[in-house]
Amino acid sequence: MADYTPALKKILQQAGCYLKRQGKGDHEIWYSPITNHHFVVDNKMKSRYTANAVLKQAGLPKRF
């Protein structure tokens, strides 16, 4: 199974999103200036559906 986290983080950073703080376990809390909201990014994301859902929360189009 693929790990979508590195590619997802790269896309988020290019869009101006940034890591706000470490969350519980292997989760991170990110901030999107596009939507003005915080969202969770898992460090072991195996599902492209979850990766696309994170992009949607950040205000970005699907990429996976």
PDB file of N, CA and C in Angstrom:
ATOM      1  N   MET A   1       0.822  -1.193   0.000  1.00  0.00           N
ATOM      2  CA  MET A   1       0.000   0.000   0.000  1.00  0.00           C
ATOM      3  C   MET A   1       0.861   1.248   0.000  1.00  0.00           C
ATOM      4  N   ALA A   2       0.401   2.246  -0.692  1.00  0.00           N
ATOM      5  CA  ALA A   2       1.146   3.492  -0.798  1.00  0.00           C
ATOM      6  C   ALA A   2       0.965   4.342   0.456  1.00  0.00           C
ATOM      7  N   ASP A   3       1.963   5.160   0.722  1.00  0.00           N
ATOM      8  CA  ASP A   3       1.882   6.133   1.805  1.00  0.00           C
ATOM      9  C   ASP A   3       1.744   7.508   1.152  1.00  0.00           C
ATOM     10  N   TYR A   4       0.582   8.116   1.315  1.00  0.00           N
ATOM     11  CA  TYR A   4       0.280   9.385   0.656  1.00  0.00           C
ATOM     12  C   TYR A   4       0.767  10.605   1.433  1.00  0.00           C
ATOM     13  N   THR A   5       1.251  10.418   2.646  1.00  0.00           N
ATOM     14  CA  THR A   5       1.593  11.542   3.509  1.00  0.00           C
ATOM     15  C   THR A   5       2.675  12.463   2.938  1.00  0.00           C
ATOM     16  N   PRO A   6       3.826  11.958   2.458  1.00  0.00           N
ATOM     17  CA  PRO A   6       4.846  12.893   1.947  1.00  0.00           C
ATOM     18  C   PRO A   6       4.356  13.760   0.785  1.00  0.00           C
ATOM     19  N   ALA A   7       3.657  13.161  -0.159  1.00  0.00           N
ATOM     20  CA  ALA A   7       3.138  13.922  -1.300  1.00  0.00           C
ATOM     21  C   ALA A   7       2.070  14.914  -0.841  1.00  0.00           C
ATOM     22  N   LEU A   8       1.241  14.499   0.099  1.00  0.00           N
ATOM     23  CA  LEU A   8       0.186  15.374   0.620  1.00  0.00           C
ATOM     24  C   LEU A   8       0.786  16.592   1.311  1.00  0.00           C
ATOM     25  N   LYS A   9       1.789  16.373   2.142  1.00  0.00           N
ATOM     26  CA  LYS A   9       2.420  17.482   2.860  1.00  0.00           C
ATOM     27  C   LYS A   9       3.082  18.462   1.886  1.00  0.00           C
ATOM     28  N   LYS A  10       3.666  17.942   0.830  1.00  0.00           N
ATOM     29  CA  LYS A  10       4.298  18.803  -0.175  1.00  0.00           C
ATOM     30  C   LYS A  10       3.251  19.693  -0.853  1.00  0.00           C
ATOM     31  N   ILE A  11       2.116  19.108  -1.214  1.00  0.00           N
ATOM     32  CA  ILE A  11       1.024  19.861  -1.847  1.00  0.00           C
ATOM     33  C   ILE A  11       0.501  20.936  -0.892  1.00  0.00           C
ATOM     34  N   LEU A  12       0.330  20.559   0.374  1.00  0.00           N
ATOM     35  CA  LEU A  12      -0.179  21.508   1.362  1.00  0.00           C
ATOM     36  C   LEU A  12       0.780  22.686   1.547  1.00  0.00           C
ATOM     37  N   GLN A  13       2.067  22.397   1.642  1.00  0.00           N
ATOM     38  CA  GLN A  13       3.052  23.462   1.835  1.00  0.00           C
ATOM     39  C   GLN A  13       3.109  24.393   0.628  1.00  0.00           C
ATOM     40  N   GLN A  14       2.997  23.837  -0.576  1.00  0.00           N
ATOM     41  CA  GLN A  14       3.011  24.661  -1.781  1.00  0.00           C
ATOM     42  C   GLN A  14       1.798  25.584  -1.841  1.00  0.00           C
ATOM     43  N   ALA A  15       0.705  25.170  -1.199  1.00  0.00           N
ATOM     44  CA  ALA A  15      -0.516  25.982  -1.193  1.00  0.00           C
ATOM     45  C   ALA A  15      -0.524  27.005  -0.051  1.00  0.00           C
ATOM     46  N   GLY A  16       0.525  27.001   0.775  1.00  0.00           N
ATOM     47  CA  GLY A  16       0.603  27.975   1.860  1.00  0.00           C
ATOM     48  C   GLY A  16       0.128  27.453   3.203  1.00  0.00           C
ATOM     49  N   CYS A  17      -0.271  26.197   3.273  1.00  0.00           N
ATOM     50  CA  CYS A  17      -0.672  25.596   4.545  1.00  0.00           C
ATOM     51  C   CYS A  17       0.592  25.282   5.349  1.00  0.00           C
ATOM     52  N   TYR A  18       0.447  25.248   6.655  1.00  0.00           N
ATOM     53  CA  TYR A  18       1.619  24.969   7.484  1.00  0.00           C
ATOM     54  C   TYR A  18       1.243  24.202   8.747  1.00  0.00           C
ATOM     55  N   LEU A  19       2.263  23.525   9.294  1.00  0.00           N
ATOM     56  CA  LEU A  19       2.115  22.741  10.513  1.00  0.00           C
ATOM     57  C   LEU A  19       1.954  23.688  11.686  1.00  0.00           C
ATOM     58  N   LYS A  20       0.882  23.519  12.430  1.00  0.00           N
ATOM     59  CA  LYS A  20       0.620  24.370  13.593  1.00  0.00           C
ATOM     60  C   LYS A  20       1.206  23.746  14.856  1.00  0.00           C
ATOM     61  N   ARG A  21       0.938  22.449  15.057  1.00  0.00           N
ATOM     62  CA  ARG A  21       1.447  21.751  16.241  1.00  0.00           C
ATOM     63  C   ARG A  21       1.311  20.251  16.062  1.00  0.00           C
ATOM     64  N   GLN A  22       1.967  19.509  16.925  1.00  0.00           N
ATOM     65  CA  GLN A  22       1.856  18.054  16.945  1.00  0.00           C
ATOM     66  C   GLN A  22       0.566  17.689  17.663  1.00  0.00           C
ATOM     67  N   GLY A  23      -0.149  16.716  17.139  1.00  0.00           N
ATOM     68  CA  GLY A  23      -1.370  16.254  17.780  1.00  0.00           C
ATOM     69  C   GLY A  23      -1.105  14.986  18.565  1.00  0.00           C
ATOM     70  N   LYS A  24      -2.152  14.249  18.870  1.00  0.00           N
ATOM     71  CA  LYS A  24      -1.996  12.994  19.597  1.00  0.00           C
ATOM     72  C   LYS A  24      -1.471  11.906  18.679  1.00  0.00           C
ATOM     73  N   GLY A  25      -0.595  11.076  19.214  1.00  0.00           N
ATOM     74  CA  GLY A  25      -0.062   9.966  18.433  1.00  0.00           C
ATOM     75  C   GLY A  25       0.746  10.457  17.256  1.00  0.00           C
ATOM     76  N   ASP A  26       0.428   9.940  16.073  1.00  0.00           N
ATOM     77  CA  ASP A  26       1.178  10.331  14.874  1.00  0.00           C
ATOM     78  C   ASP A  26       0.401  11.338  14.021  1.00  0.00           C
ATOM     79  N   HIS A  27      -0.448  12.117  14.646  1.00  0.00           N
ATOM     80  CA  HIS A  27      -1.229  13.122  13.936  1.00  0.00           C
ATOM     81  C   HIS A  27      -0.617  14.506  14.117  1.00  0.00           C
ATOM     82  N   GLU A  28      -0.825  15.349  13.121  1.00  0.00           N
ATOM     83  CA  GLU A  28      -0.370  16.730  13.171  1.00  0.00           C
ATOM     84  C   GLU A  28      -1.545  17.652  12.892  1.00  0.00           C
ATOM     85  N   ILE A  29      -1.531  18.817  13.512  1.00  0.00           N
ATOM     86  CA  ILE A  29      -2.561  19.814  13.284  1.00  0.00           C
ATOM     87  C   ILE A  29      -1.983  20.854  12.328  1.00  0.00           C
ATOM     88  N   TRP A  30      -2.633  21.026  11.186  1.00  0.00           N
ATOM     89  CA  TRP A  30      -2.196  21.967  10.162  1.00  0.00           C
ATOM     90  C   TRP A  30      -3.204  23.095  10.063  1.00  0.00           C
ATOM     91  N   TYR A  31      -2.763  24.222   9.494  1.00  0.00           N
ATOM     92  CA  TYR A  31      -3.627  25.387   9.290  1.00  0.00           C
ATOM     93  C   TYR A  31      -3.656  25.744   7.809  1.00  0.00           C
ATOM     94  N   SER A  32      -4.840  26.059   7.307  1.00  0.00           N
ATOM     95  CA  SER A  32      -4.999  26.471   5.917  1.00  0.00           C
ATOM     96  C   SER A  32      -5.421  27.940   5.859  1.00  0.00           C
ATOM     97  N   PRO A  33      -4.592  28.801   5.249  1.00  0.00           N
ATOM     98  CA  PRO A  33      -5.008  30.199   5.092  1.00  0.00           C
ATOM     99  C   PRO A  33      -6.125  30.361   4.057  1.00  0.00           C
ATOM    100  N   ILE A  34      -6.340  29.350   3.236  1.00  0.00           N
ATOM    101  CA  ILE A  34      -7.396  29.398   2.223  1.00  0.00           C
ATOM    102  C   ILE A  34      -8.771  29.332   2.885  1.00  0.00           C
ATOM    103  N   THR A  35      -8.925  28.376   3.821  1.00  0.00           N
ATOM    104  CA  THR A  35     -10.219  28.190   4.485  1.00  0.00           C
ATOM    105  C   THR A  35     -10.266  28.810   5.877  1.00  0.00           C
ATOM    106  N   ASN A  36      -9.104  29.248   6.396  1.00  0.00           N
ATOM    107  CA  ASN A  36      -9.020  29.794   7.757  1.00  0.00           C
ATOM    108  C   ASN A  36      -9.385  28.752   8.814  1.00  0.00           C
ATOM    109  N   HIS A  37      -9.095  27.487   8.554  1.00  0.00           N
ATOM    110  CA  HIS A  37      -9.419  26.408   9.476  1.00  0.00           C
ATOM    111  C   HIS A  37      -8.195  25.546   9.761  1.00  0.00           C
ATOM    112  N   HIS A  38      -8.273  24.841  10.897  1.00  0.00           N
ATOM    113  CA  HIS A  38      -7.270  23.841  11.243  1.00  0.00           C
ATOM    114  C   HIS A  38      -7.796  22.475  10.803  1.00  0.00           C
ATOM    115  N   PHE A  39      -6.880  21.569  10.466  1.00  0.00           N
ATOM    116  CA  PHE A  39      -7.279  20.217  10.078  1.00  0.00           C
ATOM    117  C   PHE A  39      -6.178  19.245  10.476  1.00  0.00           C
ATOM    118  N   VAL A  40      -6.529  17.966  10.536  1.00  0.00           N
ATOM    119  CA  VAL A  40      -5.617  16.923  11.010  1.00  0.00           C
ATOM    120  C   VAL A  40      -4.994  16.196   9.828  1.00  0.00           C
ATOM    121  N   VAL A  41      -3.682  15.942   9.924  1.00  0.00           N
ATOM    122  CA  VAL A  41      -2.963  15.145   8.930  1.00  0.00           C
ATOM    123  C   VAL A  41      -2.333  13.966   9.659  1.00  0.00           C
ATOM    124  N   ASP A  42      -2.662  12.771   9.225  1.00  0.00           N
ATOM    125  CA  ASP A  42      -2.099  11.540   9.790  1.00  0.00           C
ATOM    126  C   ASP A  42      -0.748  11.272   9.131  1.00  0.00           C
ATOM    127  N   ASN A  43       0.253  10.874   9.906  1.00  0.00           N
ATOM    128  CA  ASN A  43       1.587  10.623   9.360  1.00  0.00           C
ATOM    129  C   ASN A  43       1.729   9.273   8.675  1.00  0.00           C
ATOM    130  N   LYS A  44       0.696   8.455   8.696  1.00  0.00           N
ATOM    131  CA  LYS A  44       0.728   7.160   8.015  1.00  0.00           C
ATOM    132  C   LYS A  44      -0.557   6.983   7.216  1.00  0.00           C
ATOM    133  N   MET A  45      -0.777   7.884   6.281  1.00  0.00           N
ATOM    134  CA  MET A  45      -2.004   7.886   5.496  1.00  0.00           C
ATOM    135  C   MET A  45      -1.899   6.863   4.366  1.00  0.00           C
ATOM    136  N   LYS A  46      -2.719   5.832   4.413  1.00  0.00           N
ATOM    137  CA  LYS A  46      -2.680   4.749   3.431  1.00  0.00           C
ATOM    138  C   LYS A  46      -3.800   4.832   2.406  1.00  0.00           C
ATOM    139  N   SER A  47      -4.789   5.659   2.645  1.00  0.00           N
ATOM    140  CA  SER A  47      -5.965   5.735   1.783  1.00  0.00           C
ATOM    141  C   SER A  47      -5.952   7.017   0.955  1.00  0.00           C
ATOM    142  N   ARG A  48      -6.143   6.870  -0.357  1.00  0.00           N
ATOM    143  CA  ARG A  48      -6.195   8.064  -1.195  1.00  0.00           C
ATOM    144  C   ARG A  48      -7.471   8.857  -0.931  1.00  0.00           C
ATOM    145  N   TYR A  49      -8.502   8.184  -0.452  1.00  0.00           N
ATOM    146  CA  TYR A  49      -9.751   8.875  -0.130  1.00  0.00           C
ATOM    147  C   TYR A  49      -9.546   9.804   1.068  1.00  0.00           C
ATOM    148  N   THR A  50      -8.801   9.341   2.041  1.00  0.00           N
ATOM    149  CA  THR A  50      -8.499  10.167   3.205  1.00  0.00           C
ATOM    150  C   THR A  50      -7.609  11.339   2.804  1.00  0.00           C
ATOM    151  N   ALA A  51      -6.627  11.084   1.938  1.00  0.00           N
ATOM    152  CA  ALA A  51      -5.740  12.153   1.460  1.00  0.00           C
ATOM    153  C   ALA A  51      -6.541  13.219   0.722  1.00  0.00           C
ATOM    154  N   ASN A  52      -7.482  12.802  -0.112  1.00  0.00           N
ATOM    155  CA  ASN A  52      -8.328  13.759  -0.830  1.00  0.00           C
ATOM    156  C   ASN A  52      -9.244  14.518   0.131  1.00  0.00           C
ATOM    157  N   ALA A  53      -9.695  13.865   1.192  1.00  0.00           N
ATOM    158  CA  ALA A  53     -10.544  14.524   2.182  1.00  0.00           C
ATOM    159  C   ALA A  53      -9.760  15.616   2.913  1.00  0.00           C
ATOM    160  N   VAL A  54      -8.490  15.354   3.193  1.00  0.00           N
ATOM    161  CA  VAL A  54      -7.644  16.366   3.829  1.00  0.00           C
ATOM    162  C   VAL A  54      -7.465  17.556   2.897  1.00  0.00           C
ATOM    163  N   LEU A  55      -7.242  17.289   1.619  1.00  0.00           N
ATOM    164  CA  LEU A  55      -7.126  18.375   0.643  1.00  0.00           C
ATOM    165  C   LEU A  55      -8.400  19.210   0.592  1.00  0.00           C
ATOM    166  N   LYS A  56      -9.542  18.553   0.672  1.00  0.00           N
ATOM    167  CA  LYS A  56     -10.827  19.255   0.653  1.00  0.00           C
ATOM    168  C   LYS A  56     -10.962  20.159   1.890  1.00  0.00           C
ATOM    169  N   GLN A  57     -10.532  19.649   3.044  1.00  0.00           N
ATOM    170  CA  GLN A  57     -10.580  20.452   4.266  1.00  0.00           C
ATOM    171  C   GLN A  57      -9.669  21.665   4.174  1.00  0.00           C
ATOM    172  N   ALA A  58      -8.581  21.527   3.410  1.00  0.00           N
ATOM    173  CA  ALA A  58      -7.636  22.628   3.239  1.00  0.00           C
ATOM    174  C   ALA A  58      -8.095  23.594   2.144  1.00  0.00           C
ATOM    175  N   GLY A  59      -9.170  23.267   1.451  1.00  0.00           N
ATOM    176  CA  GLY A  59      -9.681  24.139   0.389  1.00  0.00           C
ATOM    177  C   GLY A  59      -9.013  23.924  -0.945  1.00  0.00           C
ATOM    178  N   LEU A  60      -8.444  22.736  -1.147  1.00  0.00           N
ATOM    179  CA  LEU A  60      -7.730  22.404  -2.388  1.00  0.00           C
ATOM    180  C   LEU A  60      -8.476  21.328  -3.155  1.00  0.00           C
ATOM    181  N   PRO A  61      -8.277  21.243  -4.470  1.00  0.00           N
ATOM    182  CA  PRO A  61      -8.936  20.196  -5.258  1.00  0.00           C
ATOM    183  C   PRO A  61      -8.282  18.827  -5.048  1.00  0.00           C
ATOM    184  N   LYS A  62      -9.015  17.772  -5.403  1.00  0.00           N
ATOM    185  CA  LYS A  62      -8.501  16.400  -5.299  1.00  0.00           C
ATOM    186  C   LYS A  62      -7.262  16.229  -6.164  1.00  0.00           C
ATOM    187  N   ARG A  63      -6.292  15.446  -5.670  1.00  0.00           N
ATOM    188  CA  ARG A  63      -5.075  15.195  -6.438  1.00  0.00           C
ATOM    189  C   ARG A  63      -4.709  13.719  -6.499  1.00  0.00           C
ATOM    190  N   PHE A  64      -5.363  12.879  -5.692  1.00  0.00           N
ATOM    191  CA  PHE A  64      -5.005  11.454  -5.642  1.00  0.00           C
ATOM    192  C   PHE A  64      -6.110  10.572  -6.179  1.00  0.00           C
TER     193      PHE A  64
END
